[in-house]
Amino acid sequence: DAKRRTYDYTPPVATDRLAQRPGNRAWDATGGADAFLD
């Protein structure tokens, strides 16, 4: 599940610090690593 894993597996990163995706596509929600590890 690409959207769920993108959120669950990524640490919090400020929006202006997000890495570039191929084709400059927008990111789905990110930064849920702490809740997932909980």
PDB file of all heavy atoms in Angstrom:
ATOM      1  N   ASP A   1       0.871  -1.167   0.000  1.00  0.00           N
ATOM      2  CA  ASP A   1       0.000   0.000   0.000  1.00  0.00           C
ATOM      3  C   ASP A   1       0.909   1.218   0.000  1.00  0.00           C
ATOM      4  O   ASP A   1       1.452   1.611   1.033  1.00  0.00           O
ATOM      5  CB  ASP A   1      -0.905  -0.015   1.235  1.00  0.00           C
ATOM      6  CG  ASP A   1      -1.959   1.084   1.208  1.00  0.00           C
ATOM      7  OD1 ASP A   1      -1.636   2.196   0.755  1.00  0.00           O
ATOM      8  OD2 ASP A   1      -3.094   0.832   1.667  1.00  0.00           O
ATOM      9  N   ALA A   2       1.107   1.819  -1.180  1.00  0.00           N
ATOM     10  CA  ALA A   2       2.100   2.879  -1.335  1.00  0.00           C
ATOM     11  C   ALA A   2       1.803   4.080  -0.437  1.00  0.00           C
ATOM     12  O   ALA A   2       2.713   4.646   0.180  1.00  0.00           O
ATOM     13  CB  ALA A   2       2.177   3.312  -2.799  1.00  0.00           C
ATOM     14  N   LYS A   3       0.559   4.480  -0.355  1.00  0.00           N
ATOM     15  CA  LYS A   3       0.231   5.660   0.447  1.00  0.00           C
ATOM     16  C   LYS A   3       0.436   5.401   1.931  1.00  0.00           C
ATOM     17  O   LYS A   3       1.013   6.234   2.642  1.00  0.00           O
ATOM     18  CB  LYS A   3      -1.211   6.095   0.178  1.00  0.00           C
ATOM     19  CG  LYS A   3      -1.423   6.721  -1.187  1.00  0.00           C
ATOM     20  CD  LYS A   3      -2.837   7.259  -1.336  1.00  0.00           C
ATOM     21  CE  LYS A   3      -3.009   7.947  -2.685  1.00  0.00           C
ATOM     22  NZ  LYS A   3      -4.381   8.516  -2.842  1.00  0.00           N
ATOM     23  N   ARG A   4      -0.043   4.264   2.402  1.00  0.00           N
ATOM     24  CA  ARG A   4       0.076   3.963   3.837  1.00  0.00           C
ATOM     25  C   ARG A   4       1.538   3.819   4.248  1.00  0.00           C
ATOM     26  O   ARG A   4       1.961   4.330   5.283  1.00  0.00           O
ATOM     27  CB  ARG A   4      -0.694   2.683   4.180  1.00  0.00           C
ATOM     28  CG  ARG A   4      -2.214   2.798   4.113  1.00  0.00           C
ATOM     29  CD  ARG A   4      -2.795   3.621   5.263  1.00  0.00           C
ATOM     30  NE  ARG A   4      -2.373   3.141   6.567  1.00  0.00           N
ATOM     31  CZ  ARG A   4      -2.965   2.129   7.240  1.00  0.00           C
ATOM     32  NH1 ARG A   4      -3.987   1.490   6.707  1.00  0.00           N
ATOM     33  NH2 ARG A   4      -2.537   1.782   8.426  1.00  0.00           N
ATOM     34  N   ARG A   5       2.330   3.109   3.450  1.00  0.00           N
ATOM     35  CA  ARG A   5       3.727   2.892   3.818  1.00  0.00           C
ATOM     36  C   ARG A   5       4.515   4.198   3.749  1.00  0.00           C
ATOM     37  O   ARG A   5       5.439   4.414   4.533  1.00  0.00           O
ATOM     38  CB  ARG A   5       4.360   1.809   2.937  1.00  0.00           C
ATOM     39  CG  ARG A   5       4.697   2.244   1.538  1.00  0.00           C
ATOM     40  CD  ARG A   5       5.133   1.101   0.647  1.00  0.00           C
ATOM     41  NE  ARG A   5       6.350   0.458   1.102  1.00  0.00           N
ATOM     42  CZ  ARG A   5       7.572   0.844   0.761  1.00  0.00           C
ATOM     43  NH1 ARG A   5       7.717   1.918  -0.006  1.00  0.00           N
ATOM     44  NH2 ARG A   5       8.627   0.194   1.188  1.00  0.00           N
ATOM     45  N   THR A   6       4.170   5.075   2.797  1.00  0.00           N
ATOM     46  CA  THR A   6       4.850   6.363   2.717  1.00  0.00           C
ATOM     47  C   THR A   6       4.640   7.155   3.999  1.00  0.00           C
ATOM     48  O   THR A   6       5.564   7.811   4.498  1.00  0.00           O
ATOM     49  CB  THR A   6       4.343   7.169   1.508  1.00  0.00           C
ATOM     50  OG1 THR A   6       4.693   6.476   0.305  1.00  0.00           O
ATOM     51  CG2 THR A   6       4.939   8.562   1.473  1.00  0.00           C
ATOM     52  N   TYR A   7       3.458   7.095   4.551  1.00  0.00           N
ATOM     53  CA  TYR A   7       3.194   7.796   5.808  1.00  0.00           C
ATOM     54  C   TYR A   7       3.839   7.083   6.996  1.00  0.00           C
ATOM     55  O   TYR A   7       4.554   7.692   7.797  1.00  0.00           O
ATOM     56  CB  TYR A   7       1.691   7.914   6.036  1.00  0.00           C
ATOM     57  CG  TYR A   7       1.341   8.621   7.335  1.00  0.00           C
ATOM     58  CD1 TYR A   7       1.533   9.993   7.463  1.00  0.00           C
ATOM     59  CD2 TYR A   7       0.845   7.914   8.424  1.00  0.00           C
ATOM     60  CE1 TYR A   7       1.239  10.645   8.653  1.00  0.00           C
ATOM     61  CE2 TYR A   7       0.548   8.552   9.618  1.00  0.00           C
ATOM     62  CZ  TYR A   7       0.741   9.920   9.729  1.00  0.00           C
ATOM     63  OH  TYR A   7       0.449  10.553  10.910  1.00  0.00           O
ATOM     64  N   ASP A   8       3.617   5.779   7.112  1.00  0.00           N
ATOM     65  CA  ASP A   8       4.064   5.041   8.288  1.00  0.00           C
ATOM     66  C   ASP A   8       5.581   4.937   8.397  1.00  0.00           C
ATOM     67  O   ASP A   8       6.127   4.879   9.497  1.00  0.00           O
ATOM     68  CB  ASP A   8       3.482   3.622   8.281  1.00  0.00           C
ATOM     69  CG  ASP A   8       2.037   3.579   8.751  1.00  0.00           C
ATOM     70  OD1 ASP A   8       1.578   4.546   9.381  1.00  0.00           O
ATOM     71  OD2 ASP A   8       1.366   2.558   8.482  1.00  0.00           O
ATOM     72  N   TYR A   9       6.274   4.887   7.273  1.00  0.00           N
ATOM     73  CA  TYR A   9       7.700   4.565   7.303  1.00  0.00           C
ATOM     74  C   TYR A   9       8.608   5.790   7.253  1.00  0.00           C
ATOM     75  O   TYR A   9       9.835   5.637   7.323  1.00  0.00           O
ATOM     76  CB  TYR A   9       8.068   3.657   6.126  1.00  0.00           C
ATOM     77  CG  TYR A   9       7.384   2.309   6.104  1.00  0.00           C
ATOM     78  CD1 TYR A   9       7.517   1.459   5.015  1.00  0.00           C
ATOM     79  CD2 TYR A   9       6.603   1.867   7.165  1.00  0.00           C
ATOM     80  CE1 TYR A   9       6.904   0.215   4.972  1.00  0.00           C
ATOM     81  CE2 TYR A   9       5.973   0.641   7.132  1.00  0.00           C
ATOM     82  CZ  TYR A   9       6.111  -0.176   6.032  1.00  0.00           C
ATOM     83  OH  TYR A   9       5.497  -1.404   5.993  1.00  0.00           O
ATOM     84  N   THR A  10       8.051   6.999   7.151  1.00  0.00           N
ATOM     85  CA  THR A  10       8.901   8.184   7.011  1.00  0.00           C
ATOM     86  C   THR A  10       8.909   9.026   8.284  1.00  0.00           C
ATOM     87  O   THR A  10       7.872   9.279   8.881  1.00  0.00           O
ATOM     88  CB  THR A  10       8.436   9.061   5.836  1.00  0.00           C
ATOM     89  OG1 THR A  10       7.045   9.384   5.982  1.00  0.00           O
ATOM     90  CG2 THR A  10       8.647   8.339   4.513  1.00  0.00           C
ATOM     91  N   PRO A  11      10.100   9.494   8.696  1.00  0.00           N
ATOM     92  CA  PRO A  11      10.200  10.407   9.835  1.00  0.00           C
ATOM     93  C   PRO A  11       9.617  11.766   9.480  1.00  0.00           C
ATOM     94  O   PRO A  11       9.447  12.093   8.298  1.00  0.00           O
ATOM     95  CB  PRO A  11      11.712  10.508  10.084  1.00  0.00           C
ATOM     96  CG  PRO A  11      12.323   9.384   9.324  1.00  0.00           C
ATOM     97  CD  PRO A  11      11.413   9.118   8.167  1.00  0.00           C
ATOM     98  N   PRO A  12       9.335  12.580  10.488  1.00  0.00           N
ATOM     99  CA  PRO A  12       8.834  13.931  10.205  1.00  0.00           C
ATOM    100  C   PRO A  12       9.887  14.765   9.476  1.00  0.00           C
ATOM    101  O   PRO A  12      11.038  14.833   9.895  1.00  0.00           O
ATOM    102  CB  PRO A  12       8.551  14.501  11.602  1.00  0.00           C
ATOM    103  CG  PRO A  12       8.501  13.321  12.519  1.00  0.00           C
ATOM    104  CD  PRO A  12       9.398  12.290  11.929  1.00  0.00           C
ATOM    105  N   VAL A  13       9.485  15.389   8.392  1.00  0.00           N
ATOM    106  CA  VAL A  13      10.344  16.283   7.620  1.00  0.00           C
ATOM    107  C   VAL A  13       9.521  17.516   7.248  1.00  0.00           C
ATOM    108  O   VAL A  13       8.382  17.384   6.782  1.00  0.00           O
ATOM    109  CB  VAL A  13      10.875  15.597   6.335  1.00  0.00           C
ATOM    110  CG1 VAL A  13      11.677  16.581   5.484  1.00  0.00           C
ATOM    111  CG2 VAL A  13      11.731  14.384   6.689  1.00  0.00           C
ATOM    112  N   ALA A  14      10.085  18.694   7.451  1.00  0.00           N
ATOM    113  CA  ALA A  14       9.382  19.928   7.098  1.00  0.00           C
ATOM    114  C   ALA A  14       9.042  19.933   5.617  1.00  0.00           C
ATOM    115  O   ALA A  14       9.798  19.423   4.789  1.00  0.00           O
ATOM    116  CB  ALA A  14      10.241  21.142   7.446  1.00  0.00           C
ATOM    117  N   THR A  15       7.890  20.508   5.292  1.00  0.00           N
ATOM    118  CA  THR A  15       7.417  20.500   3.911  1.00  0.00           C
ATOM    119  C   THR A  15       8.448  21.073   2.952  1.00  0.00           C
ATOM    120  O   THR A  15       8.658  20.534   1.848  1.00  0.00           O
ATOM    121  CB  THR A  15       6.104  21.298   3.796  1.00  0.00           C
ATOM    122  OG1 THR A  15       5.127  20.726   4.687  1.00  0.00           O
ATOM    123  CG2 THR A  15       5.571  21.256   2.376  1.00  0.00           C
ATOM    124  N   ASP A  16       9.121  22.134   3.366  1.00  0.00           N
ATOM    125  CA  ASP A  16      10.093  22.752   2.467  1.00  0.00           C
ATOM    126  C   ASP A  16      11.414  21.983   2.390  1.00  0.00           C
ATOM    127  O   ASP A  16      12.324  22.375   1.655  1.00  0.00           O
ATOM    128  CB  ASP A  16      10.356  24.205   2.869  1.00  0.00           C
ATOM    129  CG  ASP A  16      10.931  24.336   4.270  1.00  0.00           C
ATOM    130  OD1 ASP A  16      11.007  23.308   4.994  1.00  0.00           O
ATOM    131  OD2 ASP A  16      11.301  25.460   4.664  1.00  0.00           O
ATOM    132  N   ARG A  17      11.518  20.879   3.158  1.00  0.00           N
ATOM    133  CA  ARG A  17      12.718  20.061   3.137  1.00  0.00           C
ATOM    134  C   ARG A  17      12.475  18.694   2.503  1.00  0.00           C
ATOM    135  O   ARG A  17      13.387  17.859   2.467  1.00  0.00           O
ATOM    136  CB  ARG A  17      13.235  19.851   4.573  1.00  0.00           C
ATOM    137  CG  ARG A  17      13.653  21.135   5.278  1.00  0.00           C
ATOM    138  CD  ARG A  17      14.979  21.631   4.766  1.00  0.00           C
ATOM    139  NE  ARG A  17      16.067  20.726   5.140  1.00  0.00           N
ATOM    140  CZ  ARG A  17      17.309  20.839   4.686  1.00  0.00           C
ATOM    141  NH1 ARG A  17      17.605  21.806   3.836  1.00  0.00           N
ATOM    142  NH2 ARG A  17      18.248  19.991   5.067  1.00  0.00           N
ATOM    143  N   LEU A  18      11.269  18.466   2.001  1.00  0.00           N
ATOM    144  CA  LEU A  18      10.961  17.174   1.391  1.00  0.00           C
ATOM    145  C   LEU A  18      11.788  16.964   0.134  1.00  0.00           C
ATOM    146  O   LEU A  18      11.965  17.879  -0.679  1.00  0.00           O
ATOM    147  CB  LEU A  18       9.471  17.084   1.050  1.00  0.00           C
ATOM    148  CG  LEU A  18       8.507  16.857   2.215  1.00  0.00           C
ATOM    149  CD1 LEU A  18       7.075  16.972   1.738  1.00  0.00           C
ATOM    150  CD2 LEU A  18       8.754  15.509   2.874  1.00  0.00           C
ATOM    151  N   ALA A  19      12.279  15.729  -0.035  1.00  0.00           N
ATOM    152  CA  ALA A  19      13.074  15.404  -1.211  1.00  0.00           C
ATOM    153  C   ALA A  19      12.208  15.400  -2.459  1.00  0.00           C
ATOM    154  O   ALA A  19      10.982  15.248  -2.404  1.00  0.00           O
ATOM    155  CB  ALA A  19      13.723  14.032  -1.021  1.00  0.00           C
ATOM    156  N   GLN A  20      12.837  15.542  -3.606  1.00  0.00           N
ATOM    157  CA  GLN A  20      12.137  15.540  -4.879  1.00  0.00           C
ATOM    158  C   GLN A  20      11.746  14.131  -5.265  1.00  0.00           C
ATOM    159  O   GLN A  20      12.503  13.184  -5.075  1.00  0.00           O
ATOM    160  CB  GLN A  20      13.034  16.140  -5.964  1.00  0.00           C
ATOM    161  CG  GLN A  20      12.380  16.208  -7.336  1.00  0.00           C
ATOM    162  CD  GLN A  20      13.336  16.739  -8.385  1.00  0.00           C
ATOM    163  OE1 GLN A  20      14.416  17.213  -8.080  1.00  0.00           O
ATOM    164  NE2 GLN A  20      12.936  16.643  -9.652  1.00  0.00           N
ATOM    165  N   ARG A  21      10.541  13.991  -5.816  1.00  0.00           N
ATOM    166  CA  ARG A  21      10.085  12.720  -6.369  1.00  0.00           C
ATOM    167  C   ARG A  21      10.311  12.714  -7.879  1.00  0.00           C
ATOM    168  O   ARG A  21      10.439  13.781  -8.497  1.00  0.00           O
ATOM    169  CB  ARG A  21       8.595  12.501  -6.091  1.00  0.00           C
ATOM    170  CG  ARG A  21       8.234  12.367  -4.629  1.00  0.00           C
ATOM    171  CD  ARG A  21       6.769  12.020  -4.473  1.00  0.00           C
ATOM    172  NE  ARG A  21       6.497  10.632  -4.863  1.00  0.00           N
ATOM    173  CZ  ARG A  21       5.275  10.110  -4.931  1.00  0.00           C
ATOM    174  NH1 ARG A  21       4.216  10.865  -4.656  1.00  0.00           N
ATOM    175  NH2 ARG A  21       5.101   8.855  -5.280  1.00  0.00           N
ATOM    176  N   PRO A  22      10.375  11.537  -8.488  1.00  0.00           N
ATOM    177  CA  PRO A  22      10.516  11.489  -9.958  1.00  0.00           C
ATOM    178  C   PRO A  22       9.384  12.262 -10.629  1.00  0.00           C
ATOM    179  O   PRO A  22       8.219  12.152 -10.236  1.00  0.00           O
ATOM    180  CB  PRO A  22      10.432   9.996 -10.271  1.00  0.00           C
ATOM    181  CG  PRO A  22      10.830   9.318  -9.017  1.00  0.00           C
ATOM    182  CD  PRO A  22      10.346  10.194  -7.901  1.00  0.00           C
ATOM    183  N   GLY A  23       9.716  13.071 -11.628  1.00  0.00           N
ATOM    184  CA  GLY A  23       8.703  13.848 -12.322  1.00  0.00           C
ATOM    185  C   GLY A  23       8.134  14.974 -11.494  1.00  0.00           C
ATOM    186  O   GLY A  23       7.108  15.567 -11.860  1.00  0.00           O
ATOM    187  N   ASN A  24       8.783  15.283 -10.355  1.00  0.00           N
ATOM    188  CA  ASN A  24       8.322  16.347  -9.454  1.00  0.00           C
ATOM    189  C   ASN A  24       6.889  16.135  -8.980  1.00  0.00           C
ATOM    190  O   ASN A  24       6.149  17.085  -8.729  1.00  0.00           O
ATOM    191  CB  ASN A  24       8.440  17.728 -10.134  1.00  0.00           C
ATOM    192  CG  ASN A  24       9.880  18.163 -10.297  1.00  0.00           C
ATOM    193  OD1 ASN A  24      10.686  18.004  -9.394  1.00  0.00           O
ATOM    194  ND2 ASN A  24      10.198  18.708 -11.469  1.00  0.00           N
ATOM    195  N   ARG A  25       6.486  14.880  -8.861  1.00  0.00           N
ATOM    196  CA  ARG A  25       5.145  14.595  -8.354  1.00  0.00           C
ATOM    197  C   ARG A  25       5.029  14.993  -6.889  1.00  0.00           C
ATOM    198  O   ARG A  25       5.999  14.958  -6.139  1.00  0.00           O
ATOM    199  CB  ARG A  25       4.841  13.101  -8.494  1.00  0.00           C
ATOM    200  CG  ARG A  25       4.637  12.640  -9.931  1.00  0.00           C
ATOM    201  CD  ARG A  25       4.430  11.139  -9.992  1.00  0.00           C
ATOM    202  NE  ARG A  25       5.643  10.423  -9.614  1.00  0.00           N
ATOM    203  CZ  ARG A  25       5.651   9.302  -8.899  1.00  0.00           C
ATOM    204  NH1 ARG A  25       4.513   8.783  -8.452  1.00  0.00           N
ATOM    205  NH2 ARG A  25       6.784   8.706  -8.629  1.00  0.00           N
ATOM    206  N   ALA A  26       3.807  15.360  -6.483  1.00  0.00           N
ATOM    207  CA  ALA A  26       3.578  15.752  -5.096  1.00  0.00           C
ATOM    208  C   ALA A  26       3.624  14.524  -4.193  1.00  0.00           C
ATOM    209  O   ALA A  26       3.250  13.418  -4.598  1.00  0.00           O
ATOM    210  CB  ALA A  26       2.219  16.444  -4.971  1.00  0.00           C
ATOM    211  N   TRP A  27       4.081  14.725  -2.978  1.00  0.00           N
ATOM    212  CA  TRP A  27       4.124  13.640  -2.001  1.00  0.00           C
ATOM    213  C   TRP A  27       2.743  13.389  -1.418  1.00  0.00           C
ATOM    214  O   TRP A  27       1.950  14.324  -1.219  1.00  0.00           O
ATOM    215  CB  TRP A  27       5.074  13.999  -0.858  1.00  0.00           C
ATOM    216  CG  TRP A  27       6.512  13.824  -1.191  1.00  0.00           C
ATOM    217  CD1 TRP A  27       7.415  14.805  -1.496  1.00  0.00           C
ATOM    218  CD2 TRP A  27       7.232  12.579  -1.251  1.00  0.00           C
ATOM    219  NE1 TRP A  27       8.639  14.253  -1.754  1.00  0.00           N
ATOM    220  CE2 TRP A  27       8.568  12.899  -1.613  1.00  0.00           C
ATOM    221  CE3 TRP A  27       6.880  11.250  -1.046  1.00  0.00           C
ATOM    222  CZ2 TRP A  27       9.548  11.917  -1.762  1.00  0.00           C
ATOM    223  CZ3 TRP A  27       7.854  10.280  -1.198  1.00  0.00           C
ATOM    224  CH2 TRP A  27       9.167  10.612  -1.553  1.00  0.00           C
ATOM    225  N   ASP A  28       2.453  12.118  -1.120  1.00  0.00           N
ATOM    226  CA  ASP A  28       1.333  11.804  -0.240  1.00  0.00           C
ATOM    227  C   ASP A  28       1.742  12.191   1.182  1.00  0.00           C
ATOM    228  O   ASP A  28       2.848  12.675   1.416  1.00  0.00           O
ATOM    229  CB  ASP A  28       1.012  10.299  -0.314  1.00  0.00           C
ATOM    230  CG  ASP A  28       0.533   9.883  -1.694  1.00  0.00           C
ATOM    231  OD1 ASP A  28      -0.307  10.597  -2.263  1.00  0.00           O
ATOM    232  OD2 ASP A  28       1.005   8.842  -2.202  1.00  0.00           O
ATOM    233  N   ALA A  29       0.860  11.979   2.138  1.00  0.00           N
ATOM    234  CA  ALA A  29       1.169  12.332   3.523  1.00  0.00           C
ATOM    235  C   ALA A  29       2.402  11.570   3.998  1.00  0.00           C
ATOM    236  O   ALA A  29       2.576  10.385   3.708  1.00  0.00           O
ATOM    237  CB  ALA A  29      -0.022  12.022   4.418  1.00  0.00           C
ATOM    238  N   THR A  30       3.274  12.261   4.711  1.00  0.00           N
ATOM    239  CA  THR A  30       4.499  11.665   5.239  1.00  0.00           C
ATOM    240  C   THR A  30       4.607  11.971   6.730  1.00  0.00           C
ATOM    241  O   THR A  30       3.821  12.724   7.286  1.00  0.00           O
ATOM    242  CB  THR A  30       5.747  12.220   4.511  1.00  0.00           C
ATOM    243  OG1 THR A  30       5.836  13.638   4.762  1.00  0.00           O
ATOM    244  CG2 THR A  30       5.674  11.983   3.012  1.00  0.00           C
ATOM    245  N   GLY A  31       5.614  11.360   7.372  1.00  0.00           N
ATOM    246  CA  GLY A  31       5.946  11.740   8.744  1.00  0.00           C
ATOM    247  C   GLY A  31       5.265  10.966   9.851  1.00  0.00           C
ATOM    248  O   GLY A  31       5.269  11.400  11.005  1.00  0.00           O
ATOM    249  N   GLY A  32       4.730   9.776   9.559  1.00  0.00           N
ATOM    250  CA  GLY A  32       4.013   9.020  10.595  1.00  0.00           C
ATOM    251  C   GLY A  32       4.846   7.979  11.315  1.00  0.00           C
ATOM    252  O   GLY A  32       4.297   7.116  12.012  1.00  0.00           O
ATOM    253  N   ALA A  33       6.185   8.022  11.175  1.00  0.00           N
ATOM    254  CA  ALA A  33       7.040   6.964  11.714  1.00  0.00           C
ATOM    255  C   ALA A  33       6.882   6.771  13.213  1.00  0.00           C
ATOM    256  O   ALA A  33       6.845   5.635  13.702  1.00  0.00           O
ATOM    257  CB  ALA A  33       8.504   7.255  11.379  1.00  0.00           C
ATOM    258  N   ASP A  34       6.803   7.849  13.967  1.00  0.00           N
ATOM    259  CA  ASP A  34       6.740   7.705  15.427  1.00  0.00           C
ATOM    260  C   ASP A  34       5.455   7.019  15.875  1.00  0.00           C
ATOM    261  O   ASP A  34       5.482   6.146  16.756  1.00  0.00           O
ATOM    262  CB  ASP A  34       6.883   9.076  16.092  1.00  0.00           C
ATOM    263  CG  ASP A  34       8.270   9.669  15.911  1.00  0.00           C
ATOM    264  OD1 ASP A  34       9.252   9.002  16.288  1.00  0.00           O
ATOM    265  OD2 ASP A  34       8.387  10.779  15.364  1.00  0.00           O
ATOM    266  N   ALA A  35       4.333   7.397  15.282  1.00  0.00           N
ATOM    267  CA  ALA A  35       3.067   6.748  15.637  1.00  0.00           C
ATOM    268  C   ALA A  35       3.080   5.274  15.241  1.00  0.00           C
ATOM    269  O   ALA A  35       2.568   4.413  15.973  1.00  0.00           O
ATOM    270  CB  ALA A  35       1.906   7.474  14.956  1.00  0.00           C
ATOM    271  N   PHE A  36       3.662   4.964  14.088  1.00  0.00           N
ATOM    272  CA  PHE A  36       3.734   3.573  13.645  1.00  0.00           C
ATOM    273  C   PHE A  36       4.624   2.742  14.567  1.00  0.00           C
ATOM    274  O   PHE A  36       4.284   1.613  14.939  1.00  0.00           O
ATOM    275  CB  PHE A  36       4.255   3.523  12.214  1.00  0.00           C
ATOM    276  CG  PHE A  36       4.388   2.135  11.654  1.00  0.00           C
ATOM    277  CD1 PHE A  36       3.277   1.323  11.466  1.00  0.00           C
ATOM    278  CD2 PHE A  36       5.634   1.629  11.313  1.00  0.00           C
ATOM    279  CE1 PHE A  36       3.405   0.046  10.945  1.00  0.00           C
ATOM    280  CE2 PHE A  36       5.773   0.355  10.790  1.00  0.00           C
ATOM    281  CZ  PHE A  36       4.655  -0.439  10.610  1.00  0.00           C
ATOM    282  N   LEU A  37       5.758   3.287  14.971  1.00  0.00           N
ATOM    283  CA  LEU A  37       6.643   2.570  15.896  1.00  0.00           C
ATOM    284  C   LEU A  37       5.987   2.413  17.261  1.00  0.00           C
ATOM    285  O   LEU A  37       6.201   1.397  17.942  1.00  0.00           O
ATOM    286  CB  LEU A  37       7.980   3.294  16.009  1.00  0.00           C
ATOM    287  CG  LEU A  37       8.856   3.235  14.743  1.00  0.00           C
ATOM    288  CD1 LEU A  37      10.057   4.161  14.886  1.00  0.00           C
ATOM    289  CD2 LEU A  37       9.320   1.808  14.471  1.00  0.00           C
ATOM    290  N   ASP A  38       5.185   3.391  17.659  1.00  0.00           N
ATOM    291  CA  ASP A  38       4.414   3.238  18.907  1.00  0.00           C
ATOM    292  C   ASP A  38       3.495   2.028  18.806  1.00  0.00           C
ATOM    293  O   ASP A  38       3.357   1.249  19.763  1.00  0.00           O
ATOM    294  CB  ASP A  38       3.582   4.492  19.175  1.00  0.00           C
ATOM    295  CG  ASP A  38       4.400   5.641  19.732  1.00  0.00           C
ATOM    296  OD1 ASP A  38       5.529   5.411  20.205  1.00  0.00           O
ATOM    297  OD2 ASP A  38       3.896   6.784  19.698  1.00  0.00           O
TER     298      ASP A  38
END
